[in-house]
Amino acid sequence: MRVLLQNGYIFRNNKRPIPLPVMEITYFEHTAAHEFGHRIMGAYGGRTYSWTHNQSSTELTQVPLPGTTYPANGEIDLMKYAERRVKRQDRWDRSVASVQDVKGLLWLVRVKFQEGKTND
């Protein structure tokens, strides 16, 4: 998987680079995190788990399931889809990886903790 952003600039026909608005950079970061999340979810939960966005959308068309909404306040699952939207900036500010997805990532990397051992 390759994710690219040209250092926050738009380059056109060898002219002077134009800085991207902060909103565009934030949009890129959120989208990249969501798309990378599919790789993690697919690796530990399988294609169906990944493509249904934590069981919030249909698998093939990826349409949000009826009645699926984002919470009015608090954290929003980065991977979930919802019927009713919230403002983009609000969604970006409140998006986090779910506890289940973080546990899946830790399981994938096989983190091992050695109890009682110190690095003095």
PDB file of N, CA and C in Angstrom:
ATOM      1  N   MET A   1       0.856  -1.175   0.000  1.00  0.00           N
ATOM      2  CA  MET A   1       0.000   0.000   0.000  1.00  0.00           C
ATOM      3  C   MET A   1       0.895   1.228   0.000  1.00  0.00           C
ATOM      4  N   ARG A   2       0.601   2.156  -0.874  1.00  0.00           N
ATOM      5  CA  ARG A   2       1.377   3.392  -0.956  1.00  0.00           C
ATOM      6  C   ARG A   2       0.445   4.576  -0.719  1.00  0.00           C
ATOM      7  N   VAL A   3       0.829   5.454   0.176  1.00  0.00           N
ATOM      8  CA  VAL A   3       0.067   6.662   0.474  1.00  0.00           C
ATOM      9  C   VAL A   3       1.009   7.839   0.315  1.00  0.00           C
ATOM     10  N   LEU A   4       0.628   8.788  -0.518  1.00  0.00           N
ATOM     11  CA  LEU A   4       1.503   9.924  -0.807  1.00  0.00           C
ATOM     12  C   LEU A   4       0.807  11.259  -0.578  1.00  0.00           C
ATOM     13  N   LEU A   5       1.552  12.212  -0.105  1.00  0.00           N
ATOM     14  CA  LEU A   5       1.128  13.603  -0.031  1.00  0.00           C
ATOM     15  C   LEU A   5       2.366  14.423  -0.320  1.00  0.00           C
ATOM     16  N   GLN A   6       2.282  15.312  -1.256  1.00  0.00           N
ATOM     17  CA  GLN A   6       3.441  16.093  -1.692  1.00  0.00           C
ATOM     18  C   GLN A   6       3.782  17.201  -0.698  1.00  0.00           C
ATOM     19  N   ASN A   7       4.149  16.831   0.509  1.00  0.00           N
ATOM     20  CA  ASN A   7       4.573  17.791   1.528  1.00  0.00           C
ATOM     21  C   ASN A   7       3.615  18.953   1.727  1.00  0.00           C
ATOM     22  N   GLY A   8       2.334  18.708   1.494  1.00  0.00           N
ATOM     23  CA  GLY A   8       1.349  19.753   1.716  1.00  0.00           C
ATOM     24  C   GLY A   8       1.310  20.824   0.646  1.00  0.00           C
ATOM     25  N   TYR A   9       1.803  20.513  -0.556  1.00  0.00           N
ATOM     26  CA  TYR A   9       1.801  21.480  -1.643  1.00  0.00           C
ATOM     27  C   TYR A   9       1.207  20.869  -2.901  1.00  0.00           C
ATOM     28  N   ILE A  10       0.633  21.715  -3.726  1.00  0.00           N
ATOM     29  CA  ILE A  10       0.181  21.319  -5.054  1.00  0.00           C
ATOM     30  C   ILE A  10       1.227  21.814  -6.037  1.00  0.00           C
ATOM     31  N   PHE A  11       1.692  20.922  -6.902  1.00  0.00           N
ATOM     32  CA  PHE A  11       2.682  21.290  -7.907  1.00  0.00           C
ATOM     33  C   PHE A  11       2.018  21.282  -9.281  1.00  0.00           C
ATOM     34  N   ARG A  12       2.094  22.392 -10.023  1.00  0.00           N
ATOM     35  CA  ARG A  12       1.455  22.488 -11.337  1.00  0.00           C
ATOM     36  C   ARG A  12       2.422  23.051 -12.363  1.00  0.00           C
ATOM     37  N   ASN A  13       2.689  22.287 -13.403  1.00  0.00           N
ATOM     38  CA  ASN A  13       3.448  22.745 -14.572  1.00  0.00           C
ATOM     39  C   ASN A  13       4.712  23.535 -14.232  1.00  0.00           C
ATOM     40  N   ASN A  14       5.516  23.030 -13.337  1.00  0.00           N
ATOM     41  CA  ASN A  14       6.778  23.671 -12.963  1.00  0.00           C
ATOM     42  C   ASN A  14       6.627  25.108 -12.465  1.00  0.00           C
ATOM     43  N   LYS A  15       5.437  25.450 -12.001  1.00  0.00           N
ATOM     44  CA  LYS A  15       5.229  26.774 -11.414  1.00  0.00           C
ATOM     45  C   LYS A  15       5.498  26.682  -9.919  1.00  0.00           C
ATOM     46  N   ARG A  16       5.477  27.813  -9.281  1.00  0.00           N
ATOM     47  CA  ARG A  16       5.704  27.869  -7.838  1.00  0.00           C
ATOM     48  C   ARG A  16       4.689  26.982  -7.104  1.00  0.00           C
ATOM     49  N   PRO A  17       5.142  26.190  -6.104  1.00  0.00           N
ATOM     50  CA  PRO A  17       4.207  25.323  -5.373  1.00  0.00           C
ATOM     51  C   PRO A  17       3.167  26.138  -4.609  1.00  0.00           C
ATOM     52  N   ILE A  18       1.955  25.614  -4.564  1.00  0.00           N
ATOM     53  CA  ILE A  18       0.852  26.266  -3.860  1.00  0.00           C
ATOM     54  C   ILE A  18       0.573  25.467  -2.583  1.00  0.00           C
ATOM     55  N   PRO A  19       0.642  26.099  -1.407  1.00  0.00           N
ATOM     56  CA  PRO A  19       0.357  25.353  -0.172  1.00  0.00           C
ATOM     57  C   PRO A  19      -1.087  24.841  -0.149  1.00  0.00           C
ATOM     58  N   LEU A  20      -1.253  23.599   0.295  1.00  0.00           N
ATOM     59  CA  LEU A  20      -2.600  23.045   0.445  1.00  0.00           C
ATOM     60  C   LEU A  20      -3.254  23.647   1.680  1.00  0.00           C
ATOM     61  N   PRO A  21      -4.546  23.898   1.610  1.00  0.00           N
ATOM     62  CA  PRO A  21      -5.241  24.355   2.816  1.00  0.00           C
ATOM     63  C   PRO A  21      -5.174  23.275   3.898  1.00  0.00           C
ATOM     64  N   VAL A  22      -5.174  23.677   5.141  1.00  0.00           N
ATOM     65  CA  VAL A  22      -5.103  22.742   6.261  1.00  0.00           C
ATOM     66  C   VAL A  22      -6.216  21.702   6.158  1.00  0.00           C
ATOM     67  N   MET A  23      -7.393  22.109   5.716  1.00  0.00           N
ATOM     68  CA  MET A  23      -8.512  21.178   5.599  1.00  0.00           C
ATOM     69  C   MET A  23      -8.179  20.034   4.646  1.00  0.00           C
ATOM     70  N   GLU A  24      -7.497  20.330   3.551  1.00  0.00           N
ATOM     71  CA  GLU A  24      -7.143  19.285   2.588  1.00  0.00           C
ATOM     72  C   GLU A  24      -6.140  18.311   3.189  1.00  0.00           C
ATOM     73  N   ILE A  25      -5.203  18.802   3.968  1.00  0.00           N
ATOM     74  CA  ILE A  25      -4.220  17.931   4.611  1.00  0.00           C
ATOM     75  C   ILE A  25      -4.922  17.041   5.644  1.00  0.00           C
ATOM     76  N   THR A  26      -5.819  17.618   6.423  1.00  0.00           N
ATOM     77  CA  THR A  26      -6.566  16.851   7.420  1.00  0.00           C
ATOM     78  C   THR A  26      -7.414  15.787   6.740  1.00  0.00           C
ATOM     79  N   TYR A  27      -8.058  16.138   5.622  1.00  0.00           N
ATOM     80  CA  TYR A  27      -8.858  15.180   4.859  1.00  0.00           C
ATOM     81  C   TYR A  27      -7.985  14.019   4.400  1.00  0.00           C
ATOM     82  N   PHE A  28      -6.802  14.329   3.886  1.00  0.00           N
ATOM     83  CA  PHE A  28      -5.873  13.294   3.445  1.00  0.00           C
ATOM     84  C   PHE A  28      -5.479  12.386   4.607  1.00  0.00           C
ATOM     85  N   GLU A  29      -5.125  12.972   5.742  1.00  0.00           N
ATOM     86  CA  GLU A  29      -4.694  12.191   6.896  1.00  0.00           C
ATOM     87  C   GLU A  29      -5.805  11.254   7.376  1.00  0.00           C
ATOM     88  N   HIS A  30      -7.028  11.771   7.443  1.00  0.00           N
ATOM     89  CA  HIS A  30      -8.164  10.962   7.895  1.00  0.00           C
ATOM     90  C   HIS A  30      -8.431   9.829   6.912  1.00  0.00           C
ATOM     91  N   THR A  31      -8.433  10.142   5.624  1.00  0.00           N
ATOM     92  CA  THR A  31      -8.683   9.123   4.604  1.00  0.00           C
ATOM     93  C   THR A  31      -7.588   8.062   4.613  1.00  0.00           C
ATOM     94  N   ALA A  32      -6.335   8.485   4.736  1.00  0.00           N
ATOM     95  CA  ALA A  32      -5.226   7.531   4.774  1.00  0.00           C
ATOM     96  C   ALA A  32      -5.347   6.611   5.989  1.00  0.00           C
ATOM     97  N   ALA A  33      -5.684   7.168   7.133  1.00  0.00           N
ATOM     98  CA  ALA A  33      -5.841   6.353   8.345  1.00  0.00           C
ATOM     99  C   ALA A  33      -6.972   5.344   8.162  1.00  0.00           C
ATOM    100  N   HIS A  34      -8.090   5.778   7.575  1.00  0.00           N
ATOM    101  CA  HIS A  34      -9.230   4.885   7.333  1.00  0.00           C
ATOM    102  C   HIS A  34      -8.831   3.759   6.371  1.00  0.00           C
ATOM    103  N   GLU A  35      -8.187   4.116   5.269  1.00  0.00           N
ATOM    104  CA  GLU A  35      -7.811   3.107   4.273  1.00  0.00           C
ATOM    105  C   GLU A  35      -6.756   2.153   4.821  1.00  0.00           C
ATOM    106  N   PHE A  36      -5.795   2.658   5.591  1.00  0.00           N
ATOM    107  CA  PHE A  36      -4.817   1.786   6.226  1.00  0.00           C
ATOM    108  C   PHE A  36      -5.509   0.868   7.227  1.00  0.00           C
ATOM    109  N   GLY A  37      -6.533   1.392   7.886  1.00  0.00           N
ATOM    110  CA  GLY A  37      -7.318   0.588   8.822  1.00  0.00           C
ATOM    111  C   GLY A  37      -7.914  -0.646   8.163  1.00  0.00           C
ATOM    112  N   HIS A  38      -8.274  -0.537   6.881  1.00  0.00           N
ATOM    113  CA  HIS A  38      -8.800  -1.706   6.166  1.00  0.00           C
ATOM    114  C   HIS A  38      -7.760  -2.822   6.103  1.00  0.00           C
ATOM    115  N   ARG A  39      -6.505  -2.467   5.932  1.00  0.00           N
ATOM    116  CA  ARG A  39      -5.441  -3.472   5.892  1.00  0.00           C
ATOM    117  C   ARG A  39      -5.337  -4.194   7.233  1.00  0.00           C
ATOM    118  N   ILE A  40      -5.408  -3.431   8.307  1.00  0.00           N
ATOM    119  CA  ILE A  40      -5.324  -4.025   9.648  1.00  0.00           C
ATOM    120  C   ILE A  40      -6.544  -4.902   9.912  1.00  0.00           C
ATOM    121  N   MET A  41      -7.730  -4.361   9.664  1.00  0.00           N
ATOM    122  CA  MET A  41      -8.959  -5.115   9.915  1.00  0.00           C
ATOM    123  C   MET A  41      -9.018  -6.378   9.068  1.00  0.00           C
ATOM    124  N   GLY A  42      -8.610  -6.281   7.815  1.00  0.00           N
ATOM    125  CA  GLY A  42      -8.619  -7.445   6.941  1.00  0.00           C
ATOM    126  C   GLY A  42      -7.653  -8.517   7.398  1.00  0.00           C
ATOM    127  N   ALA A  43      -6.522  -8.105   7.938  1.00  0.00           N
ATOM    128  CA  ALA A  43      -5.500  -9.059   8.371  1.00  0.00           C
ATOM    129  C   ALA A  43      -5.946  -9.865   9.585  1.00  0.00           C
ATOM    130  N   TYR A  44      -6.699  -9.257  10.494  1.00  0.00           N
ATOM    131  CA  TYR A  44      -7.097 -10.021  11.679  1.00  0.00           C
ATOM    132  C   TYR A  44      -8.563 -10.417  11.680  1.00  0.00           C
ATOM    133  N   GLY A  45      -9.413  -9.697  10.949  1.00  0.00           N
ATOM    134  CA  GLY A  45     -10.842 -10.006  10.981  1.00  0.00           C
ATOM    135  C   GLY A  45     -11.395 -10.548   9.679  1.00  0.00           C
ATOM    136  N   GLY A  46     -10.581 -10.492   8.623  1.00  0.00           N
ATOM    137  CA  GLY A  46     -11.042 -10.980   7.331  1.00  0.00           C
ATOM    138  C   GLY A  46     -11.671  -9.888   6.481  1.00  0.00           C
ATOM    139  N   ARG A  47     -11.865 -10.229   5.206  1.00  0.00           N
ATOM    140  CA  ARG A  47     -12.387  -9.267   4.247  1.00  0.00           C
ATOM    141  C   ARG A  47     -13.766  -8.734   4.637  1.00  0.00           C
ATOM    142  N   THR A  48     -14.654  -9.622   5.059  1.00  0.00           N
ATOM    143  CA  THR A  48     -16.008  -9.174   5.399  1.00  0.00           C
ATOM    144  C   THR A  48     -15.984  -8.172   6.542  1.00  0.00           C
ATOM    145  N   TYR A  49     -15.203  -8.447   7.570  1.00  0.00           N
ATOM    146  CA  TYR A  49     -15.112  -7.513   8.706  1.00  0.00           C
ATOM    147  C   TYR A  49     -14.606  -6.161   8.242  1.00  0.00           C
ATOM    148  N   SER A  50     -13.601  -6.166   7.387  1.00  0.00           N
ATOM    149  CA  SER A  50     -13.028  -4.917   6.891  1.00  0.00           C
ATOM    150  C   SER A  50     -13.996  -4.178   5.978  1.00  0.00           C
ATOM    151  N   TRP A  51     -14.522  -4.875   4.994  1.00  0.00           N
ATOM    152  CA  TRP A  51     -15.359  -4.217   3.984  1.00  0.00           C
ATOM    153  C   TRP A  51     -16.718  -3.775   4.518  1.00  0.00           C
ATOM    154  N   THR A  52     -17.169  -4.330   5.630  1.00  0.00           N
ATOM    155  CA  THR A  52     -18.444  -3.892   6.204  1.00  0.00           C
ATOM    156  C   THR A  52     -18.248  -2.809   7.253  1.00  0.00           C
ATOM    157  N   HIS A  53     -17.035  -2.302   7.362  1.00  0.00           N
ATOM    158  CA  HIS A  53     -16.747  -1.169   8.261  1.00  0.00           C
ATOM    159  C   HIS A  53     -17.264  -1.420   9.678  1.00  0.00           C
ATOM    160  N   ASN A  54     -16.727  -2.483  10.300  1.00  0.00           N
ATOM    161  CA  ASN A  54     -17.161  -2.871  11.655  1.00  0.00           C
ATOM    162  C   ASN A  54     -18.671  -3.109  11.702  1.00  0.00           C
ATOM    163  N   GLN A  55     -19.158  -3.797  10.692  1.00  0.00           N
ATOM    164  CA  GLN A  55     -20.579  -4.170  10.564  1.00  0.00           C
ATOM    165  C   GLN A  55     -21.512  -2.963  10.495  1.00  0.00           C
ATOM    166  N   SER A  56     -21.043  -1.865   9.897  1.00  0.00           N
ATOM    167  CA  SER A  56     -21.893  -0.679   9.772  1.00  0.00           C
ATOM    168  C   SER A  56     -22.331  -0.410   8.327  1.00  0.00           C
ATOM    169  N   SER A  57     -21.873  -1.250   7.374  1.00  0.00           N
ATOM    170  CA  SER A  57     -22.264  -1.048   5.973  1.00  0.00           C
ATOM    171  C   SER A  57     -22.427  -2.388   5.270  1.00  0.00           C
ATOM    172  N   THR A  58     -23.024  -2.348   4.071  1.00  0.00           N
ATOM    173  CA  THR A  58     -23.110  -3.555   3.261  1.00  0.00           C
ATOM    174  C   THR A  58     -21.719  -3.885   2.747  1.00  0.00           C
ATOM    175  N   GLU A  59     -21.491  -5.151   2.414  1.00  0.00           N
ATOM    176  CA  GLU A  59     -20.141  -5.559   2.023  1.00  0.00           C
ATOM    177  C   GLU A  59     -19.766  -5.083   0.627  1.00  0.00           C
ATOM    178  N   LEU A  60     -20.613  -5.315  -0.352  1.00  0.00           N
ATOM    179  CA  LEU A  60     -20.227  -4.994  -1.726  1.00  0.00           C
ATOM    180  C   LEU A  60     -20.430  -3.532  -2.094  1.00  0.00           C
ATOM    181  N   THR A  61     -21.567  -2.963  -1.723  1.00  0.00           N
ATOM    182  CA  THR A  61     -21.829  -1.563  -2.099  1.00  0.00           C
ATOM    183  C   THR A  61     -21.319  -0.577  -1.061  1.00  0.00           C
ATOM    184  N   GLN A  62     -21.014  -1.067   0.122  1.00  0.00           N
ATOM    185  CA  GLN A  62     -20.509  -0.268   1.235  1.00  0.00           C
ATOM    186  C   GLN A  62     -21.429   0.906   1.579  1.00  0.00           C
ATOM    187  N   VAL A  63     -22.718   0.654   1.478  1.00  0.00           N
ATOM    188  CA  VAL A  63     -23.737   1.635   1.855  1.00  0.00           C
ATOM    189  C   VAL A  63     -23.994   1.481   3.354  1.00  0.00           C
ATOM    190  N   PRO A  64     -24.071   2.585   4.108  1.00  0.00           N
ATOM    191  CA  PRO A  64     -24.344   2.470   5.546  1.00  0.00           C
ATOM    192  C   PRO A  64     -25.640   1.717   5.810  1.00  0.00           C
ATOM    193  N   LEU A  65     -25.642   0.873   6.824  1.00  0.00           N
ATOM    194  CA  LEU A  65     -26.847   0.139   7.196  1.00  0.00           C
ATOM    195  C   LEU A  65     -27.878   1.093   7.792  1.00  0.00           C
ATOM    196  N   PRO A  66     -29.166   0.827   7.555  1.00  0.00           N
ATOM    197  CA  PRO A  66     -30.213   1.698   8.093  1.00  0.00           C
ATOM    198  C   PRO A  66     -30.093   1.856   9.606  1.00  0.00           C
ATOM    199  N   GLY A  67     -30.229   3.083  10.063  1.00  0.00           N
ATOM    200  CA  GLY A  67     -30.198   3.376  11.486  1.00  0.00           C
ATOM    201  C   GLY A  67     -28.800   3.569  12.057  1.00  0.00           C
ATOM    202  N   THR A  68     -27.764   3.403  11.238  1.00  0.00           N
ATOM    203  CA  THR A  68     -26.401   3.587  11.721  1.00  0.00           C
ATOM    204  C   THR A  68     -26.098   5.082  11.776  1.00  0.00           C
ATOM    205  N   THR A  69     -25.699   5.566  12.934  1.00  0.00           N
ATOM    206  CA  THR A  69     -25.408   6.995  13.094  1.00  0.00           C
ATOM    207  C   THR A  69     -24.081   7.179  13.826  1.00  0.00           C
ATOM    208  N   TYR A  70     -23.521   8.356  13.699  1.00  0.00           N
ATOM    209  CA  TYR A  70     -22.363   8.725  14.497  1.00  0.00           C
ATOM    210  C   TYR A  70     -22.884   9.311  15.806  1.00  0.00           C
ATOM    211  N   PRO A  71     -22.147   9.143  16.904  1.00  0.00           N
ATOM    212  CA  PRO A  71     -22.597   9.742  18.158  1.00  0.00           C
ATOM    213  C   PRO A  71     -22.583  11.272  18.075  1.00  0.00           C
ATOM    214  N   ALA A  72     -23.498  11.895  18.790  1.00  0.00           N
ATOM    215  CA  ALA A  72     -23.589  13.362  18.787  1.00  0.00           C
ATOM    216  C   ALA A  72     -22.363  14.001  19.426  1.00  0.00           C
ATOM    217  N   ASN A  73     -21.753  13.299  20.390  1.00  0.00           N
ATOM    218  CA  ASN A  73     -20.517  13.786  21.003  1.00  0.00           C
ATOM    219  C   ASN A  73     -19.674  12.589  21.410  1.00  0.00           C
ATOM    220  N   GLY A  74     -18.442  12.851  21.778  1.00  0.00           N
ATOM    221  CA  GLY A  74     -17.535  11.761  22.121  1.00  0.00           C
ATOM    222  C   GLY A  74     -16.843  11.207  20.881  1.00  0.00           C
ATOM    223  N   GLU A  75     -16.188  10.085  21.062  1.00  0.00           N
ATOM    224  CA  GLU A  75     -15.374   9.504  19.998  1.00  0.00           C
ATOM    225  C   GLU A  75     -16.225   8.883  18.886  1.00  0.00           C
ATOM    226  N   ILE A  76     -15.674   8.939  17.665  1.00  0.00           N
ATOM    227  CA  ILE A  76     -16.292   8.317  16.492  1.00  0.00           C
ATOM    228  C   ILE A  76     -15.323   7.261  15.976  1.00  0.00           C
ATOM    229  N   ASP A  77     -15.817   6.055  15.773  1.00  0.00           N
ATOM    230  CA  ASP A  77     -15.004   4.974  15.235  1.00  0.00           C
ATOM    231  C   ASP A  77     -14.517   5.358  13.838  1.00  0.00           C
ATOM    232  N   LEU A  78     -13.221   5.410  13.657  1.00  0.00           N
ATOM    233  CA  LEU A  78     -12.596   5.792  12.394  1.00  0.00           C
ATOM    234  C   LEU A  78     -13.099   4.956  11.221  1.00  0.00           C
ATOM    235  N   MET A  79     -13.441   3.701  11.463  1.00  0.00           N
ATOM    236  CA  MET A  79     -13.781   2.795  10.381  1.00  0.00           C
ATOM    237  C   MET A  79     -15.271   2.716  10.069  1.00  0.00           C
ATOM    238  N   LYS A  80     -16.127   3.194  10.943  1.00  0.00           N
ATOM    239  CA  LYS A  80     -17.569   3.036  10.730  1.00  0.00           C
ATOM    240  C   LYS A  80     -18.133   4.014   9.716  1.00  0.00           C
ATOM    241  N   TYR A  81     -19.158   3.536   9.009  1.00  0.00           N
ATOM    242  CA  TYR A  81     -19.954   4.375   8.122  1.00  0.00           C
ATOM    243  C   TYR A  81     -21.275   4.658   8.823  1.00  0.00           C
ATOM    244  N   ALA A  82     -21.915   5.764   8.475  1.00  0.00           N
ATOM    245  CA  ALA A  82     -23.189   6.112   9.096  1.00  0.00           C
ATOM    246  C   ALA A  82     -24.115   6.726   8.055  1.00  0.00           C
ATOM    247  N   GLU A  83     -25.417   6.526   8.280  1.00  0.00           N
ATOM    248  CA  GLU A  83     -26.423   7.110   7.388  1.00  0.00           C
ATOM    249  C   GLU A  83     -26.408   8.628   7.471  1.00  0.00           C
ATOM    250  N   ARG A  84     -26.511   9.118   8.701  1.00  0.00           N
ATOM    251  CA  ARG A  84     -26.513  10.565   8.889  1.00  0.00           C
ATOM    252  C   ARG A  84     -25.103  11.033   9.183  1.00  0.00           C
ATOM    253  N   ARG A  85     -24.706  12.054   8.504  1.00  0.00           N
ATOM    254  CA  ARG A  85     -23.337  12.557   8.620  1.00  0.00           C
ATOM    255  C   ARG A  85     -23.237  13.640   9.685  1.00  0.00           C
ATOM    256  N   VAL A  86     -22.013  13.866  10.115  1.00  0.00           N
ATOM    257  CA  VAL A  86     -21.697  15.024  10.939  1.00  0.00           C
ATOM    258  C   VAL A  86     -20.746  15.877  10.124  1.00  0.00           C
ATOM    259  N   LYS A  87     -20.527  17.098  10.527  1.00  0.00           N
ATOM    260  CA  LYS A  87     -19.615  17.963   9.781  1.00  0.00           C
ATOM    261  C   LYS A  87     -18.241  17.319   9.710  1.00  0.00           C
ATOM    262  N   ARG A  88     -17.583  17.475   8.567  1.00  0.00           N
ATOM    263  CA  ARG A  88     -16.286  16.832   8.346  1.00  0.00           C
ATOM    264  C   ARG A  88     -15.280  17.116   9.452  1.00  0.00           C
ATOM    265  N   GLN A  89     -15.062  18.385   9.753  1.00  0.00           N
ATOM    266  CA  GLN A  89     -14.046  18.736  10.744  1.00  0.00           C
ATOM    267  C   GLN A  89     -14.370  18.117  12.094  1.00  0.00           C
ATOM    268  N   ASP A  90     -15.660  18.086  12.467  1.00  0.00           N
ATOM    269  CA  ASP A  90     -16.076  17.478  13.723  1.00  0.00           C
ATOM    270  C   ASP A  90     -15.763  15.987  13.703  1.00  0.00           C
ATOM    271  N   ARG A  91     -16.060  15.311  12.600  1.00  0.00           N
ATOM    272  CA  ARG A  91     -15.773  13.879  12.475  1.00  0.00           C
ATOM    273  C   ARG A  91     -14.275  13.629  12.554  1.00  0.00           C
ATOM    274  N   TRP A  92     -13.492  14.438  11.868  1.00  0.00           N
ATOM    275  CA  TRP A  92     -12.039  14.256  11.873  1.00  0.00           C
ATOM    276  C   TRP A  92     -11.476  14.455  13.275  1.00  0.00           C
ATOM    277  N   ASP A  93     -11.969  15.471  13.970  1.00  0.00           N
ATOM    278  CA  ASP A  93     -11.467  15.779  15.315  1.00  0.00           C
ATOM    279  C   ASP A  93     -11.786  14.672  16.315  1.00  0.00           C
ATOM    280  N   ARG A  94     -12.906  13.970  16.123  1.00  0.00           N
ATOM    281  CA  ARG A  94     -13.354  12.971  17.099  1.00  0.00           C
ATOM    282  C   ARG A  94     -13.075  11.533  16.687  1.00  0.00           C
ATOM    283  N   SER A  95     -12.494  11.320  15.508  1.00  0.00           N
ATOM    284  CA  SER A  95     -12.251   9.958  15.018  1.00  0.00           C
ATOM    285  C   SER A  95     -11.100   9.281  15.750  1.00  0.00           C
ATOM    286  N   VAL A  96     -11.333   8.043  16.148  1.00  0.00           N
ATOM    287  CA  VAL A  96     -10.313   7.234  16.809  1.00  0.00           C
ATOM    288  C   VAL A  96     -10.452   5.787  16.334  1.00  0.00           C
ATOM    289  N   ALA A  97      -9.386   5.024  16.487  1.00  0.00           N
ATOM    290  CA  ALA A  97      -9.455   3.585  16.238  1.00  0.00           C
ATOM    291  C   ALA A  97     -10.238   2.949  17.384  1.00  0.00           C
ATOM    292  N   SER A  98     -11.096   1.994  17.056  1.00  0.00           N
ATOM    293  CA  SER A  98     -11.866   1.322  18.109  1.00  0.00           C
ATOM    294  C   SER A  98     -10.943   0.456  18.955  1.00  0.00           C
ATOM    295  N   VAL A  99     -11.383   0.157  20.154  1.00  0.00           N
ATOM    296  CA  VAL A  99     -10.606  -0.698  21.054  1.00  0.00           C
ATOM    297  C   VAL A  99     -10.360  -2.049  20.384  1.00  0.00           C
ATOM    298  N   GLN A 100     -11.384  -2.599  19.734  1.00  0.00           N
ATOM    299  CA  GLN A 100     -11.241  -3.892  19.061  1.00  0.00           C
ATOM    300  C   GLN A 100     -10.181  -3.832  17.970  1.00  0.00           C
ATOM    301  N   ASP A 101     -10.153  -2.756  17.195  1.00  0.00           N
ATOM    302  CA  ASP A 101      -9.169  -2.644  16.119  1.00  0.00           C
ATOM    303  C   ASP A 101      -7.747  -2.465  16.662  1.00  0.00           C
ATOM    304  N   VAL A 102      -7.602  -1.745  17.763  1.00  0.00           N
ATOM    305  CA  VAL A 102      -6.279  -1.594  18.384  1.00  0.00           C
ATOM    306  C   VAL A 102      -5.812  -2.939  18.931  1.00  0.00           C
ATOM    307  N   LYS A 103      -6.717  -3.687  19.553  1.00  0.00           N
ATOM    308  CA  LYS A 103      -6.360  -5.027  20.040  1.00  0.00           C
ATOM    309  C   LYS A 103      -5.949  -5.918  18.875  1.00  0.00           C
ATOM    310  N   GLY A 104      -6.667  -5.799  17.750  1.00  0.00           N
ATOM    311  CA  GLY A 104      -6.309  -6.578  16.567  1.00  0.00           C
ATOM    312  C   GLY A 104      -4.930  -6.229  16.051  1.00  0.00           C
ATOM    313  N   LEU A 105      -4.594  -4.958  16.056  1.00  0.00           N
ATOM    314  CA  LEU A 105      -3.263  -4.529  15.622  1.00  0.00           C
ATOM    315  C   LEU A 105      -2.191  -5.095  16.545  1.00  0.00           C
ATOM    316  N   LEU A 106      -2.417  -5.013  17.848  1.00  0.00           N
ATOM    317  CA  LEU A 106      -1.452  -5.558  18.807  1.00  0.00           C
ATOM    318  C   LEU A 106      -1.301  -7.068  18.634  1.00  0.00           C
ATOM    319  N   TRP A 107      -2.407  -7.756  18.365  1.00  0.00           N
ATOM    320  CA  TRP A 107      -2.334  -9.197  18.138  1.00  0.00           C
ATOM    321  C   TRP A 107      -1.520  -9.492  16.878  1.00  0.00           C
ATOM    322  N   LEU A 108      -1.719  -8.702  15.842  1.00  0.00           N
ATOM    323  CA  LEU A 108      -0.997  -8.919  14.580  1.00  0.00           C
ATOM    324  C   LEU A 108       0.509  -8.774  14.747  1.00  0.00           C
ATOM    325  N   VAL A 109       0.943  -7.792  15.514  1.00  0.00           N
ATOM    326  CA  VAL A 109       2.381  -7.561  15.663  1.00  0.00           C
ATOM    327  C   VAL A 109       2.991  -8.451  16.744  1.00  0.00           C
ATOM    328  N   ARG A 110       2.156  -9.221  17.417  1.00  0.00           N
ATOM    329  CA  ARG A 110       2.613 -10.187  18.410  1.00  0.00           C
ATOM    330  C   ARG A 110       3.499  -9.543  19.468  1.00  0.00           C
ATOM    331  N   VAL A 111       3.006  -8.471  20.048  1.00  0.00           N
ATOM    332  CA  VAL A 111       3.755  -7.785  21.101  1.00  0.00           C
ATOM    333  C   VAL A 111       3.874  -8.712  22.299  1.00  0.00           C
ATOM    334  N   LYS A 112       5.087  -8.842  22.801  1.00  0.00           N
ATOM    335  CA  LYS A 112       5.316  -9.663  23.975  1.00  0.00           C
ATOM    336  C   LYS A 112       5.900  -8.789  25.069  1.00  0.00           C
ATOM    337  N   PHE A 113       5.309  -8.862  26.232  1.00  0.00           N
ATOM    338  CA  PHE A 113       5.775  -8.087  27.374  1.00  0.00           C
ATOM    339  C   PHE A 113       6.457  -9.039  28.345  1.00  0.00           C
ATOM    340  N   GLN A 114       7.611  -8.636  28.819  1.00  0.00           N
ATOM    341  CA  GLN A 114       8.327  -9.452  29.806  1.00  0.00           C
ATOM    342  C   GLN A 114       8.117  -8.815  31.170  1.00  0.00           C
ATOM    343  N   GLU A 115       7.332  -9.488  31.968  1.00  0.00           N
ATOM    344  CA  GLU A 115       7.029  -8.971  33.296  1.00  0.00           C
ATOM    345  C   GLU A 115       8.241  -9.111  34.217  1.00  0.00           C
ATOM    346  N   GLY A 116       8.451  -8.100  35.034  1.00  0.00           N
ATOM    347  CA  GLY A 116       9.488  -8.157  36.049  1.00  0.00           C
ATOM    348  C   GLY A 116      10.896  -7.856  35.541  1.00  0.00           C
ATOM    349  N   LYS A 117      11.070  -7.697  34.254  1.00  0.00           N
ATOM    350  CA  LYS A 117      12.406  -7.421  33.736  1.00  0.00           C
ATOM    351  C   LYS A 117      12.551  -5.925  33.530  1.00  0.00           C
ATOM    352  N   THR A 118      13.657  -5.367  33.995  1.00  0.00           N
ATOM    353  CA  THR A 118      13.919  -3.935  33.825  1.00  0.00           C
ATOM    354  C   THR A 118      15.139  -3.738  32.952  1.00  0.00           C
ATOM    355  N   ASN A 119      15.245  -2.593  32.365  1.00  0.00           N
ATOM    356  CA  ASN A 119      16.382  -2.249  31.505  1.00  0.00           C
ATOM    357  C   ASN A 119      17.289  -1.255  32.215  1.00  0.00           C
ATOM    358  N   ASP A 120      17.823  -1.643  33.376  1.00  0.00           N
ATOM    359  CA  ASP A 120      18.686  -0.725  34.142  1.00  0.00           C
ATOM    360  C   ASP A 120      20.051  -0.627  33.509  1.00  0.00           C
TER     361      ASP A 120
END
